[in-house]
C-alpha atoms as a PDB file:
ATOM      1  CA  UNK A   1      45.231 127.836 -53.285  1.00  0.00           C
ATOM      2  CA  UNK A   2      43.021 128.135 -50.512  1.00  0.00           C
ATOM      3  CA  UNK A   3      44.794 127.925 -46.829  1.00  0.00           C
ATOM      4  CA  UNK A   4      42.451 127.755 -44.009  1.00  0.00           C
ATOM      5  CA  UNK A   5      43.208 127.752 -40.132  1.00  0.00           C
ATOM      6  CA  UNK A   6      40.342 127.223 -37.781  1.00  0.00           C
ATOM      7  CA  UNK A   7      40.838 127.422 -33.791  1.00  0.00           C
ATOM      8  CA  UNK A   8      38.199 127.056 -31.318  1.00  0.00           C
ATOM      9  CA  UNK A   9      38.804 127.938 -27.499  1.00  0.00           C
ATOM     10  CA  UNK A  10      37.230 125.333 -25.115  1.00  0.00           C
ATOM     11  CA  UNK A  11      33.869 126.075 -23.863  1.00  0.00           C
ATOM     12  CA  UNK A  12      32.421 125.390 -20.731  1.00  0.00           C
ATOM     13  CA  UNK A  13      29.024 126.253 -19.196  1.00  0.00           C
ATOM     14  CA  UNK A  14      28.648 125.557 -15.414  1.00  0.00           C
ATOM     15  CA  UNK A  15      25.344 126.715 -15.017  1.00  0.00           C
ATOM     16  CA  UNK A  16      21.644 126.175 -16.413  1.00  0.00           C
ATOM     17  CA  UNK A  17      19.693 122.701 -16.768  1.00  0.00           C
ATOM     18  CA  UNK A  18      22.422 121.283 -19.009  1.00  0.00           C
ATOM     19  CA  UNK A  19      26.180 121.954 -18.283  1.00  0.00           C
ATOM     20  CA  UNK A  20      28.347 121.626 -20.982  1.00  0.00           C
ATOM     21  CA  UNK A  21      32.056 121.135 -21.829  1.00  0.00           C
ATOM     22  CA  UNK A  22      33.792 120.923 -25.165  1.00  0.00           C
ATOM     23  CA  UNK A  23      37.837 120.807 -25.791  1.00  0.00           C
ATOM     24  CA  UNK A  24      39.858 123.186 -27.638  1.00  0.00           C
ATOM     25  CA  UNK A  25      39.922 122.061 -31.519  1.00  0.00           C
ATOM     26  CA  UNK A  26      42.617 123.266 -33.904  1.00  0.00           C
ATOM     27  CA  UNK A  27      42.982 122.336 -37.712  1.00  0.00           C
ATOM     28  CA  UNK A  28      43.916 123.447 -41.142  1.00  0.00           C
ATOM     29  CA  UNK A  29      43.085 122.560 -44.524  1.00  0.00           C
ATOM     30  CA  UNK A  30      44.710 123.659 -47.936  1.00  0.00           C
ATOM     31  CA  UNK A  31      42.080 123.500 -50.905  1.00  0.00           C
ATOM     32  CA  UNK A  32      44.120 123.812 -54.753  1.00  0.00           C
ATOM     33  CA  UNK A  33      41.487 124.950 -57.567  1.00  0.00           C
ATOM     34  CA  UNK A  34      41.886 124.896 -61.256  1.00  0.00           C
ATOM     35  CA  UNK A  35      39.786 125.872 -63.772  1.00  0.00           C
ATOM     36  CA  UNK A  36      38.678 128.821 -66.320  1.00  0.00           C
ATOM     37  CA  UNK A  37      37.027 132.436 -65.895  1.00  0.00           C
ATOM     38  CA  UNK A  38      35.391 133.905 -68.343  1.00  0.00           C
ATOM     39  CA  UNK A  39      34.268 137.824 -68.211  1.00  0.00           C
ATOM     40  CA  UNK A  40      32.323 140.005 -70.975  1.00  0.00           C
ATOM     41  CA  UNK A  41      31.099 143.350 -70.793  1.00  0.00           C
ATOM     42  CA  UNK A  42      27.271 143.611 -71.073  1.00  0.00           C
ATOM     43  CA  UNK A  43      27.490 147.654 -70.691  1.00  0.00           C
ATOM     44  CA  UNK A  44      29.999 150.187 -69.851  1.00  0.00           C
ATOM     45  CA  UNK A  45      28.683 149.329 -65.759  1.00  0.00           C
ATOM     46  CA  UNK A  46      27.639 145.934 -66.415  1.00  0.00           C
ATOM     47  CA  UNK A  47      29.981 142.871 -66.384  1.00  0.00           C
ATOM     48  CA  UNK A  48      28.906 139.087 -66.470  1.00  0.00           C
ATOM     49  CA  UNK A  49      31.449 136.648 -65.519  1.00  0.00           C
ATOM     50  CA  UNK A  50      31.465 132.827 -65.269  1.00  0.00           C
ATOM     51  CA  UNK A  51      33.501 130.095 -63.875  1.00  0.00           C
ATOM     52  CA  UNK A  52      33.825 126.403 -63.979  1.00  0.00           C
ATOM     53  CA  UNK A  53      36.507 124.685 -61.617  1.00  0.00           C
ATOM     54  CA  UNK A  54      37.713 121.673 -60.013  1.00  0.00           C
ATOM     55  CA  UNK A  55      38.747 121.964 -56.270  1.00  0.00           C
ATOM     56  CA  UNK A  56      41.287 119.725 -54.676  1.00  0.00           C
ATOM     57  CA  UNK A  57      42.010 119.118 -50.833  1.00  0.00           C
ATOM     58  CA  UNK A  58      45.786 118.787 -50.744  1.00  0.00           C
ATOM     59  CA  UNK A  59      46.129 118.774 -47.202  1.00  0.00           C
ATOM     60  CA  UNK A  60      44.047 118.609 -44.170  1.00  0.00           C
ATOM     61  CA  UNK A  61      44.263 118.338 -40.455  1.00  0.00           C
ATOM     62  CA  UNK A  62      41.290 116.722 -38.656  1.00  0.00           C
ATOM     63  CA  UNK A  63      41.211 116.833 -34.766  1.00  0.00           C
ATOM     64  CA  UNK A  64      38.921 114.964 -33.101  1.00  0.00           C
ATOM     65  CA  UNK A  65      36.240 116.794 -31.217  1.00  0.00           C
ATOM     66  CA  UNK A  66      35.331 116.059 -27.454  1.00  0.00           C
ATOM     67  CA  UNK A  67      32.626 117.538 -25.318  1.00  0.00           C
ATOM     68  CA  UNK A  68      29.908 116.589 -22.894  1.00  0.00           C
ATOM     69  CA  UNK A  69      26.534 117.724 -21.400  1.00  0.00           C
ATOM     70  CA  UNK A  70      27.953 116.813 -17.910  1.00  0.00           C
ATOM     71  CA  UNK A  71      26.199 113.982 -15.859  1.00  0.00           C
ATOM     72  CA  UNK A  72      24.512 113.138 -18.822  1.00  0.00           C
ATOM     73  CA  UNK A  73      26.281 111.761 -21.855  1.00  0.00           C
ATOM     74  CA  UNK A  74      29.979 112.462 -23.623  1.00  0.00           C
ATOM     75  CA  UNK A  75      31.035 113.236 -26.984  1.00  0.00           C
ATOM     76  CA  UNK A  76      33.893 112.055 -29.092  1.00  0.00           C
ATOM     77  CA  UNK A  77      33.955 112.166 -32.829  1.00  0.00           C
ATOM     78  CA  UNK A  78      36.890 112.040 -35.475  1.00  0.00           C
ATOM     79  CA  UNK A  79      36.365 114.882 -37.570  1.00  0.00           C
ATOM     80  CA  UNK A  80      37.917 113.236 -40.731  1.00  0.00           C
ATOM     81  CA  UNK A  81      36.445 114.791 -43.525  1.00  0.00           C
ATOM     82  CA  UNK A  82      35.209 112.508 -46.771  1.00  0.00           C
ATOM     83  CA  UNK A  83      35.093 115.279 -49.108  1.00  0.00           C
ATOM     84  CA  UNK A  84      38.608 115.300 -51.023  1.00  0.00           C
ATOM     85  CA  UNK A  85      37.331 116.951 -54.241  1.00  0.00           C
ATOM     86  CA  UNK A  86      34.601 118.739 -55.825  1.00  0.00           C
ATOM     87  CA  UNK A  87      33.817 120.468 -59.291  1.00  0.00           C
ATOM     88  CA  UNK A  88      31.939 123.736 -59.022  1.00  0.00           C
ATOM     89  CA  UNK A  89      30.307 126.138 -61.640  1.00  0.00           C
ATOM     90  CA  UNK A  90      29.683 129.931 -61.022  1.00  0.00           C
ATOM     91  CA  UNK A  91      27.908 132.925 -62.982  1.00  0.00           C
ATOM     92  CA  UNK A  92      27.283 136.411 -61.838  1.00  0.00           C
ATOM     93  CA  UNK A  93      27.352 139.892 -62.577  1.00  0.00           C
ATOM     94  CA  UNK A  94      28.806 143.497 -61.272  1.00  0.00           C
ATOM     95  CA  UNK A  95      27.332 146.354 -61.590  1.00  0.00           C
ATOM     96  CA  UNK A  96      29.656 149.771 -61.471  1.00  0.00           C
ATOM     97  CA  UNK A  97      27.635 151.968 -59.318  1.00  0.00           C
ATOM     98  CA  UNK A  98      30.052 155.036 -59.597  1.00  0.00           C
ATOM     99  CA  UNK A  99      33.950 155.436 -60.191  1.00  0.00           C
ATOM    100  CA  UNK A 100      34.711 153.550 -56.370  1.00  0.00           C
ATOM    101  CA  UNK A 101      31.832 151.522 -56.055  1.00  0.00           C
ATOM    102  CA  UNK A 102      30.679 148.030 -57.446  1.00  0.00           C
ATOM    103  CA  UNK A 103      27.847 145.992 -56.731  1.00  0.00           C
ATOM    104  CA  UNK A 104      27.677 142.171 -57.397  1.00  0.00           C
ATOM    105  CA  UNK A 105      25.286 139.357 -57.207  1.00  0.00           C
ATOM    106  CA  UNK A 106      26.700 135.558 -57.838  1.00  0.00           C
ATOM    107  CA  UNK A 107      25.124 131.879 -57.380  1.00  0.00           C
ATOM    108  CA  UNK A 108      27.513 128.619 -57.906  1.00  0.00           C
ATOM    109  CA  UNK A 109      26.552 125.091 -57.662  1.00  0.00           C
ATOM    110  CA  UNK A 110      29.273 122.595 -56.571  1.00  0.00           C
ATOM    111  CA  UNK A 111      29.251 118.838 -56.390  1.00  0.00           C
ATOM    112  CA  UNK A 112      31.180 115.292 -55.439  1.00  0.00           C
ATOM    113  CA  UNK A 113      29.534 113.757 -58.480  1.00  0.00           C
ATOM    114  CA  UNK A 114      27.536 111.343 -55.772  1.00  0.00           C
ATOM    115  CA  UNK A 115      23.911 111.654 -53.997  1.00  0.00           C
ATOM    116  CA  UNK A 116      24.294 115.634 -53.480  1.00  0.00           C
ATOM    117  CA  UNK A 117      25.206 118.647 -54.539  1.00  0.00           C
ATOM    118  CA  UNK A 118      25.347 122.319 -53.049  1.00  0.00           C
ATOM    119  CA  UNK A 119      23.982 125.569 -54.085  1.00  0.00           C
ATOM    120  CA  UNK A 120      25.242 129.085 -52.992  1.00  0.00           C
ATOM    121  CA  UNK A 121      24.776 132.854 -53.250  1.00  0.00           C
ATOM    122  CA  UNK A 122      26.242 135.965 -52.578  1.00  0.00           C
ATOM    123  CA  UNK A 123      25.598 139.458 -52.799  1.00  0.00           C
ATOM    124  CA  UNK A 124      27.822 141.957 -52.352  1.00  0.00           C
ATOM    125  CA  UNK A 125      29.257 145.446 -52.152  1.00  0.00           C
ATOM    126  CA  UNK A 126      32.976 147.040 -52.720  1.00  0.00           C
ATOM    127  CA  UNK A 127      34.589 150.383 -52.391  1.00  0.00           C
ATOM    128  CA  UNK A 128      37.649 151.411 -53.494  1.00  0.00           C
ATOM    129  CA  UNK A 129      38.911 154.297 -50.931  1.00  0.00           C
END
């Protein structure tokens, strides 16, 4: 389960050729995931992992974004998302560098089963203190 609460303070630029203003935005989204995770040790220090999951938007508050380039045009858009659920596949590896340090790399593919899919990747390092 993931809960995201995002807030953006309003923005106003009064100088330059295009003075701009945007109103405050506040939004939140709750996403639930269900799936499987498989991990296997390749060696004593390398662990491979893969997962397959379904993610579903359980609740969201879609704000209206309002802004303007002063004296030129105004913008108002409903940010209601059309993304309700998606499948995601991930695979990667963790390498135990030492007793407290781990290097990891992973990639993922997600799709809504329509016209597109997204690719993602992550490289990380974590240290226990």
